[in-house]
Amino acid sequence: MGQGTSIHAEIDQCMQIVPDAISCRSHGVIQGGDISQAFIKRGIRFESNESIPFQSGIKVKPYELNGPLIKLPYF
C-alpha cells in the first residue's frame, strides 16, 4: 500500500486490474477486521493471509470467519 493510501483505495485499485477477483492475499499477509470487511464489501470470498508453519503438524484446511469470508491458510 502506498504511503497515505487507504485500505479501500488500495483494494479498489487492485479490483480495477482484476475486476472479477474472488480471492486475495495481502502484501506481507497483513490481516485484520477492517481489511476483511473491505474485502467482503468488494465481493472477495476467499482470503489467504494466514501462514501455518509446516512443522507445526496442524492440518491446514479452509474455515469460515467474518461471515461470508472463507480463510485459506497455507504453509
PDB file of N, CA and C in Angstrom:
ATOM      1  N   MET A   1       0.847  -1.159   0.000  1.00  0.00           N
ATOM      2  CA  MET A   1       0.000   0.000   0.000  1.00  0.00           C
ATOM      3  C   MET A   1       0.899   1.230   0.000  1.00  0.00           C
ATOM      4  N   GLY A   2       0.577   2.179  -0.824  1.00  0.00           N
ATOM      5  CA  GLY A   2       1.356   3.406  -0.872  1.00  0.00           C
ATOM      6  C   GLY A   2       1.161   4.242   0.382  1.00  0.00           C
ATOM      7  N   GLN A   3       2.134   5.068   0.687  1.00  0.00           N
ATOM      8  CA  GLN A   3       2.055   5.908   1.874  1.00  0.00           C
ATOM      9  C   GLN A   3       0.830   6.818   1.786  1.00  0.00           C
ATOM     10  N   GLY A   4       0.000   6.779   2.815  1.00  0.00           N
ATOM     11  CA  GLY A   4      -1.193   7.608   2.845  1.00  0.00           C
ATOM     12  C   GLY A   4      -2.379   7.028   2.083  1.00  0.00           C
ATOM     13  N   THR A   5      -2.214   5.845   1.488  1.00  0.00           N
ATOM     14  CA  THR A   5      -3.300   5.214   0.738  1.00  0.00           C
ATOM     15  C   THR A   5      -4.183   4.433   1.703  1.00  0.00           C
ATOM     16  N   SER A   6      -5.490   4.567   1.557  1.00  0.00           N
ATOM     17  CA  SER A   6      -6.401   3.837   2.437  1.00  0.00           C
ATOM     18  C   SER A   6      -6.540   2.388   1.972  1.00  0.00           C
ATOM     19  N   ILE A   7      -6.976   1.549   2.891  1.00  0.00           N
ATOM     20  CA  ILE A   7      -7.248   0.148   2.571  1.00  0.00           C
ATOM     21  C   ILE A   7      -8.216   0.076   1.395  1.00  0.00           C
ATOM     22  N   HIS A   8      -9.268   0.865   1.463  1.00  0.00           N
ATOM     23  CA  HIS A   8     -10.307   0.829   0.435  1.00  0.00           C
ATOM     24  C   HIS A   8      -9.768   1.258  -0.929  1.00  0.00           C
ATOM     25  N   ALA A   9      -8.967   2.312  -0.961  1.00  0.00           N
ATOM     26  CA  ALA A   9      -8.413   2.789  -2.229  1.00  0.00           C
ATOM     27  C   ALA A   9      -7.477   1.746  -2.833  1.00  0.00           C
ATOM     28  N   GLU A  10      -6.698   1.090  -1.999  1.00  0.00           N
ATOM     29  CA  GLU A  10      -5.756   0.078  -2.490  1.00  0.00           C
ATOM     30  C   GLU A  10      -6.501  -1.125  -3.072  1.00  0.00           C
ATOM     31  N   ILE A  11      -7.533  -1.590  -2.373  1.00  0.00           N
ATOM     32  CA  ILE A  11      -8.327  -2.721  -2.876  1.00  0.00           C
ATOM     33  C   ILE A  11      -9.054  -2.317  -4.157  1.00  0.00           C
ATOM     34  N   ASP A  12      -9.603  -1.112  -4.194  1.00  0.00           N
ATOM     35  CA  ASP A  12     -10.282  -0.633  -5.405  1.00  0.00           C
ATOM     36  C   ASP A  12      -9.332  -0.629  -6.594  1.00  0.00           C
ATOM     37  N   GLN A  13      -8.093  -0.209  -6.367  1.00  0.00           N
ATOM     38  CA  GLN A  13      -7.106  -0.187  -7.450  1.00  0.00           C
ATOM     39  C   GLN A  13      -6.833  -1.609  -7.956  1.00  0.00           C
ATOM     40  N   CYS A  14      -6.705  -2.550  -7.049  1.00  0.00           N
ATOM     41  CA  CYS A  14      -6.497  -3.947  -7.450  1.00  0.00           C
ATOM     42  C   CYS A  14      -7.709  -4.494  -8.197  1.00  0.00           C
ATOM     43  N   MET A  15      -8.899  -4.114  -7.739  1.00  0.00           N
ATOM     44  CA  MET A  15     -10.122  -4.595  -8.391  1.00  0.00           C
ATOM     45  C   MET A  15     -10.282  -4.013  -9.798  1.00  0.00           C
ATOM     46  N   GLN A  16      -9.682  -2.866 -10.059  1.00  0.00           N
ATOM     47  CA  GLN A  16      -9.697  -2.322 -11.417  1.00  0.00           C
ATOM     48  C   GLN A  16      -8.848  -3.182 -12.347  1.00  0.00           C
ATOM     49  N   ILE A  17      -7.780  -3.746 -11.812  1.00  0.00           N
ATOM     50  CA  ILE A  17      -6.905  -4.606 -12.608  1.00  0.00           C
ATOM     51  C   ILE A  17      -7.551  -5.965 -12.839  1.00  0.00           C
ATOM     52  N   VAL A  18      -8.174  -6.524 -11.791  1.00  0.00           N
ATOM     53  CA  VAL A  18      -8.819  -7.845 -11.870  1.00  0.00           C
ATOM     54  C   VAL A  18     -10.230  -7.715 -11.301  1.00  0.00           C
ATOM     55  N   PRO A  19     -11.161  -7.186 -12.088  1.00  0.00           N
ATOM     56  CA  PRO A  19     -12.496  -6.880 -11.557  1.00  0.00           C
ATOM     57  C   PRO A  19     -13.314  -8.091 -11.112  1.00  0.00           C
ATOM     58  N   ASP A  20     -12.995  -9.268 -11.618  1.00  0.00           N
ATOM     59  CA  ASP A  20     -13.754 -10.460 -11.246  1.00  0.00           C
ATOM     60  C   ASP A  20     -13.083 -11.269 -10.147  1.00  0.00           C
ATOM     61  N   ALA A  21     -12.084 -10.706  -9.483  1.00  0.00           N
ATOM     62  CA  ALA A  21     -11.359 -11.421  -8.430  1.00  0.00           C
ATOM     63  C   ALA A  21     -12.295 -11.826  -7.301  1.00  0.00           C
ATOM     64  N   ILE A  22     -12.096 -13.044  -6.801  1.00  0.00           N
ATOM     65  CA  ILE A  22     -12.873 -13.520  -5.651  1.00  0.00           C
ATOM     66  C   ILE A  22     -11.958 -13.996  -4.528  1.00  0.00           C
ATOM     67  N   SER A  23     -10.637 -13.927  -4.740  1.00  0.00           N
ATOM     68  CA  SER A  23      -9.692 -14.338  -3.700  1.00  0.00           C
ATOM     69  C   SER A  23      -8.561 -13.327  -3.600  1.00  0.00           C
ATOM     70  N   CYS A  24      -7.867 -13.340  -2.459  1.00  0.00           N
ATOM     71  CA  CYS A  24      -6.792 -12.365  -2.266  1.00  0.00           C
ATOM     72  C   CYS A  24      -5.789 -12.839  -1.236  1.00  0.00           C
ATOM     73  N   ARG A  25      -4.622 -12.216  -1.286  1.00  0.00           N
ATOM     74  CA  ARG A  25      -3.597 -12.323  -0.244  1.00  0.00           C
ATOM     75  C   ARG A  25      -2.953 -10.954  -0.160  1.00  0.00           C
ATOM     76  N   SER A  26      -2.928 -10.394   1.020  1.00  0.00           N
ATOM     77  CA  SER A  26      -2.359  -9.069   1.230  1.00  0.00           C
ATOM     78  C   SER A  26      -0.840  -9.129   1.194  1.00  0.00           C
ATOM     79  N   HIS A  27      -0.225  -8.033   0.740  1.00  0.00           N
ATOM     80  CA  HIS A  27       1.224  -7.920   0.793  1.00  0.00           C
ATOM     81  C   HIS A  27       1.654  -8.015   2.251  1.00  0.00           C
ATOM     82  N   GLY A  28       2.623  -8.860   2.516  1.00  0.00           N
ATOM     83  CA  GLY A  28       3.049  -9.058   3.899  1.00  0.00           C
ATOM     84  C   GLY A  28       2.050  -9.869   4.703  1.00  0.00           C
ATOM     85  N   VAL A  29       1.103 -10.485   4.036  1.00  0.00           N
ATOM     86  CA  VAL A  29      -0.003 -11.252   4.620  1.00  0.00           C
ATOM     87  C   VAL A  29      -0.645 -10.535   5.810  1.00  0.00           C
ATOM     88  N   ILE A  30      -0.764  -9.221   5.679  1.00  0.00           N
ATOM     89  CA  ILE A  30      -1.416  -8.409   6.703  1.00  0.00           C
ATOM     90  C   ILE A  30      -2.901  -8.742   6.723  1.00  0.00           C
ATOM     91  N   GLN A  31      -3.448  -8.868   7.906  1.00  0.00           N
ATOM     92  CA  GLN A  31      -4.875  -9.157   8.024  1.00  0.00           C
ATOM     93  C   GLN A  31      -5.456  -8.415   9.216  1.00  0.00           C
ATOM     94  N   GLY A  32      -6.758  -8.290   9.232  1.00  0.00           N
ATOM     95  CA  GLY A  32      -7.448  -7.621  10.327  1.00  0.00           C
ATOM     96  C   GLY A  32      -8.900  -7.413   9.969  1.00  0.00           C
ATOM     97  N   GLY A  33      -9.674  -7.048  10.952  1.00  0.00           N
ATOM     98  CA  GLY A  33     -11.114  -6.871  10.759  1.00  0.00           C
ATOM     99  C   GLY A  33     -11.470  -5.850   9.705  1.00  0.00           C
ATOM    100  N   ASP A  34     -10.785  -4.700   9.710  1.00  0.00           N
ATOM    101  CA  ASP A  34     -11.075  -3.658   8.717  1.00  0.00           C
ATOM    102  C   ASP A  34     -10.756  -4.134   7.301  1.00  0.00           C
ATOM    103  N   ILE A  35      -9.633  -4.834   7.165  1.00  0.00           N
ATOM    104  CA  ILE A  35      -9.239  -5.340   5.845  1.00  0.00           C
ATOM    105  C   ILE A  35     -10.229  -6.405   5.383  1.00  0.00           C
ATOM    106  N   SER A  36     -10.579  -7.323   6.271  1.00  0.00           N
ATOM    107  CA  SER A  36     -11.539  -8.378   5.908  1.00  0.00           C
ATOM    108  C   SER A  36     -12.878  -7.789   5.487  1.00  0.00           C
ATOM    109  N   GLN A  37     -13.361  -6.793   6.222  1.00  0.00           N
ATOM    110  CA  GLN A  37     -14.638  -6.164   5.865  1.00  0.00           C
ATOM    111  C   GLN A  37     -14.548  -5.460   4.514  1.00  0.00           C
ATOM    112  N   ALA A  38     -13.413  -4.845   4.221  1.00  0.00           N
ATOM    113  CA  ALA A  38     -13.227  -4.195   2.918  1.00  0.00           C
ATOM    114  C   ALA A  38     -13.234  -5.230   1.795  1.00  0.00           C
ATOM    115  N   PHE A  39     -12.629  -6.403   2.030  1.00  0.00           N
ATOM    116  CA  PHE A  39     -12.654  -7.476   1.032  1.00  0.00           C
ATOM    117  C   PHE A  39     -14.092  -7.937   0.785  1.00  0.00           C
ATOM    118  N   ILE A  40     -14.819  -8.175   1.867  1.00  0.00           N
ATOM    119  CA  ILE A  40     -16.206  -8.646   1.759  1.00  0.00           C
ATOM    120  C   ILE A  40     -17.048  -7.646   0.979  1.00  0.00           C
ATOM    121  N   LYS A  41     -16.896  -6.364   1.282  1.00  0.00           N
ATOM    122  CA  LYS A  41     -17.673  -5.312   0.615  1.00  0.00           C
ATOM    123  C   LYS A  41     -17.460  -5.326  -0.900  1.00  0.00           C
ATOM    124  N   ARG A  42     -16.280  -5.768  -1.331  1.00  0.00           N
ATOM    125  CA  ARG A  42     -15.953  -5.771  -2.763  1.00  0.00           C
ATOM    126  C   ARG A  42     -16.131  -7.139  -3.419  1.00  0.00           C
ATOM    127  N   GLY A  43     -16.766  -8.059  -2.711  1.00  0.00           N
ATOM    128  CA  GLY A  43     -17.091  -9.355  -3.305  1.00  0.00           C
ATOM    129  C   GLY A  43     -16.011 -10.415  -3.192  1.00  0.00           C
ATOM    130  N   ILE A  44     -14.963 -10.146  -2.419  1.00  0.00           N
ATOM    131  CA  ILE A  44     -13.934 -11.156  -2.203  1.00  0.00           C
ATOM    132  C   ILE A  44     -14.512 -12.232  -1.294  1.00  0.00           C
ATOM    133  N   ARG A  45     -14.339 -13.489  -1.691  1.00  0.00           N
ATOM    134  CA  ARG A  45     -14.903 -14.606  -0.921  1.00  0.00           C
ATOM    135  C   ARG A  45     -13.843 -15.420  -0.192  1.00  0.00           C
ATOM    136  N   PHE A  46     -12.595 -15.366  -0.678  1.00  0.00           N
ATOM    137  CA  PHE A  46     -11.521 -16.182  -0.115  1.00  0.00           C
ATOM    138  C   PHE A  46     -10.310 -15.315   0.198  1.00  0.00           C
ATOM    139  N   GLU A  47      -9.762 -15.474   1.405  1.00  0.00           N
ATOM    140  CA  GLU A  47      -8.595 -14.718   1.834  1.00  0.00           C
ATOM    141  C   GLU A  47      -7.524 -15.704   2.306  1.00  0.00           C
ATOM    142  N   SER A  48      -6.305 -15.548   1.791  1.00  0.00           N
ATOM    143  CA  SER A  48      -5.216 -16.450   2.159  1.00  0.00           C
ATOM    144  C   SER A  48      -4.082 -15.648   2.786  1.00  0.00           C
ATOM    145  N   ASN A  49      -4.272 -15.213   4.013  1.00  0.00           N
ATOM    146  CA  ASN A  49      -3.290 -14.399   4.723  1.00  0.00           C
ATOM    147  C   ASN A  49      -2.781 -15.062   5.995  1.00  0.00           C
ATOM    148  N   GLU A  50      -3.051 -16.329   6.172  1.00  0.00           N
ATOM    149  CA  GLU A  50      -2.670 -16.987   7.406  1.00  0.00           C
ATOM    150  C   GLU A  50      -1.661 -18.097   7.125  1.00  0.00           C
ATOM    151  N   SER A  51      -0.427 -17.877   7.576  1.00  0.00           N
ATOM    152  CA  SER A  51       0.653 -18.844   7.377  1.00  0.00           C
ATOM    153  C   SER A  51       0.739 -19.782   8.577  1.00  0.00           C
ATOM    154  N   ILE A  52       0.683 -21.069   8.312  1.00  0.00           N
ATOM    155  CA  ILE A  52       0.826 -22.088   9.347  1.00  0.00           C
ATOM    156  C   ILE A  52       2.155 -22.803   9.085  1.00  0.00           C
ATOM    157  N   PRO A  53       3.067 -22.798  10.048  1.00  0.00           N
ATOM    158  CA  PRO A  53       4.345 -23.482   9.819  1.00  0.00           C
ATOM    159  C   PRO A  53       4.133 -24.971   9.528  1.00  0.00           C
ATOM    160  N   PHE A  54       4.785 -25.479   8.501  1.00  0.00           N
ATOM    161  CA  PHE A  54       4.647 -26.886   8.122  1.00  0.00           C
ATOM    162  C   PHE A  54       5.004 -27.799   9.302  1.00  0.00           C
ATOM    163  N   GLN A  55       6.020 -27.423  10.052  1.00  0.00           N
ATOM    164  CA  GLN A  55       6.492 -28.240  11.165  1.00  0.00           C
ATOM    165  C   GLN A  55       5.497 -28.329  12.318  1.00  0.00           C
ATOM    166  N   SER A  56       4.483 -27.488  12.323  1.00  0.00           N
ATOM    167  CA  SER A  56       3.518 -27.483  13.428  1.00  0.00           C
ATOM    168  C   SER A  56       2.676 -28.754  13.468  1.00  0.00           C
ATOM    169  N   GLY A  57       2.530 -29.403  12.327  1.00  0.00           N
ATOM    170  CA  GLY A  57       1.686 -30.592  12.279  1.00  0.00           C
ATOM    171  C   GLY A  57       0.194 -30.278  12.237  1.00  0.00           C
ATOM    172  N   ILE A  58      -0.148 -29.000  12.216  1.00  0.00           N
ATOM    173  CA  ILE A  58      -1.554 -28.593  12.157  1.00  0.00           C
ATOM    174  C   ILE A  58      -2.111 -28.914  10.778  1.00  0.00           C
ATOM    175  N   LYS A  59      -3.280 -29.530  10.750  1.00  0.00           N
ATOM    176  CA  LYS A  59      -3.938 -29.814   9.483  1.00  0.00           C
ATOM    177  C   LYS A  59      -4.461 -28.503   8.905  1.00  0.00           C
ATOM    178  N   VAL A  60      -4.000 -28.168   7.723  1.00  0.00           N
ATOM    179  CA  VAL A  60      -4.396 -26.915   7.080  1.00  0.00           C
ATOM    180  C   VAL A  60      -5.653 -27.162   6.256  1.00  0.00           C
ATOM    181  N   LYS A  61      -6.716 -26.426   6.594  1.00  0.00           N
ATOM    182  CA  LYS A  61      -7.962 -26.549   5.844  1.00  0.00           C
ATOM    183  C   LYS A  61      -8.704 -25.215   5.898  1.00  0.00           C
ATOM    184  N   PRO A  62      -9.533 -24.945   4.905  1.00  0.00           N
ATOM    185  CA  PRO A  62     -10.311 -23.695   4.889  1.00  0.00           C
ATOM    186  C   PRO A  62     -11.277 -23.637   6.068  1.00  0.00           C
ATOM    187  N   TYR A  63     -11.549 -22.416   6.519  1.00  0.00           N
ATOM    188  CA  TYR A  63     -12.562 -22.216   7.549  1.00  0.00           C
ATOM    189  C   TYR A  63     -13.235 -20.876   7.324  1.00  0.00           C
ATOM    190  N   GLU A  64     -14.454 -20.765   7.823  1.00  0.00           N
ATOM    191  CA  GLU A  64     -15.243 -19.549   7.637  1.00  0.00           C
ATOM    192  C   GLU A  64     -15.062 -18.633   8.842  1.00  0.00           C
ATOM    193  N   LEU A  65     -14.835 -17.355   8.542  1.00  0.00           N
ATOM    194  CA  LEU A  65     -14.684 -16.348   9.574  1.00  0.00           C
ATOM    195  C   LEU A  65     -15.216 -15.045   9.008  1.00  0.00           C
ATOM    196  N   ASN A  66     -15.753 -14.199   9.843  1.00  0.00           N
ATOM    197  CA  ASN A  66     -16.278 -12.904   9.398  1.00  0.00           C
ATOM    198  C   ASN A  66     -17.379 -13.060   8.354  1.00  0.00           C
ATOM    199  N   GLY A  67     -18.356 -13.893   8.650  1.00  0.00           N
ATOM    200  CA  GLY A  67     -19.482 -14.035   7.730  1.00  0.00           C
ATOM    201  C   GLY A  67     -19.108 -14.785   6.472  1.00  0.00           C
ATOM    202  N   PRO A  68     -19.235 -14.133   5.323  1.00  0.00           N
ATOM    203  CA  PRO A  68     -19.055 -14.850   4.064  1.00  0.00           C
ATOM    204  C   PRO A  68     -17.605 -15.074   3.648  1.00  0.00           C
ATOM    205  N   LEU A  69     -16.627 -14.574   4.417  1.00  0.00           N
ATOM    206  CA  LEU A  69     -15.235 -14.691   4.037  1.00  0.00           C
ATOM    207  C   LEU A  69     -14.667 -16.041   4.478  1.00  0.00           C
ATOM    208  N   ILE A  70     -14.121 -16.806   3.530  1.00  0.00           N
ATOM    209  CA  ILE A  70     -13.525 -18.087   3.840  1.00  0.00           C
ATOM    210  C   ILE A  70     -12.011 -17.919   3.872  1.00  0.00           C
ATOM    211  N   LYS A  71     -11.397 -18.312   4.992  1.00  0.00           N
ATOM    212  CA  LYS A  71      -9.962 -18.214   5.173  1.00  0.00           C
ATOM    213  C   LYS A  71      -9.309 -19.463   4.603  1.00  0.00           C
ATOM    214  N   LEU A  72      -8.241 -19.268   3.846  1.00  0.00           N
ATOM    215  CA  LEU A  72      -7.492 -20.388   3.256  1.00  0.00           C
ATOM    216  C   LEU A  72      -6.059 -20.320   3.776  1.00  0.00           C
ATOM    217  N   PRO A  73      -5.783 -20.955   4.926  1.00  0.00           N
ATOM    218  CA  PRO A  73      -4.422 -20.931   5.450  1.00  0.00           C
ATOM    219  C   PRO A  73      -3.473 -21.661   4.498  1.00  0.00           C
ATOM    220  N   TYR A  74      -2.203 -21.354   4.610  1.00  0.00           N
ATOM    221  CA  TYR A  74      -1.200 -22.012   3.775  1.00  0.00           C
ATOM    222  C   TYR A  74       0.045 -22.283   4.605  1.00  0.00           C
ATOM    223  N   PHE A  75       0.907 -23.181   4.094  1.00  0.00           N
ATOM    224  CA  PHE A  75       2.216 -23.365   4.708  1.00  0.00           C
ATOM    225  C   PHE A  75       3.265 -23.430   3.635  1.00  0.00           C
TER     226      PHE A  75
END
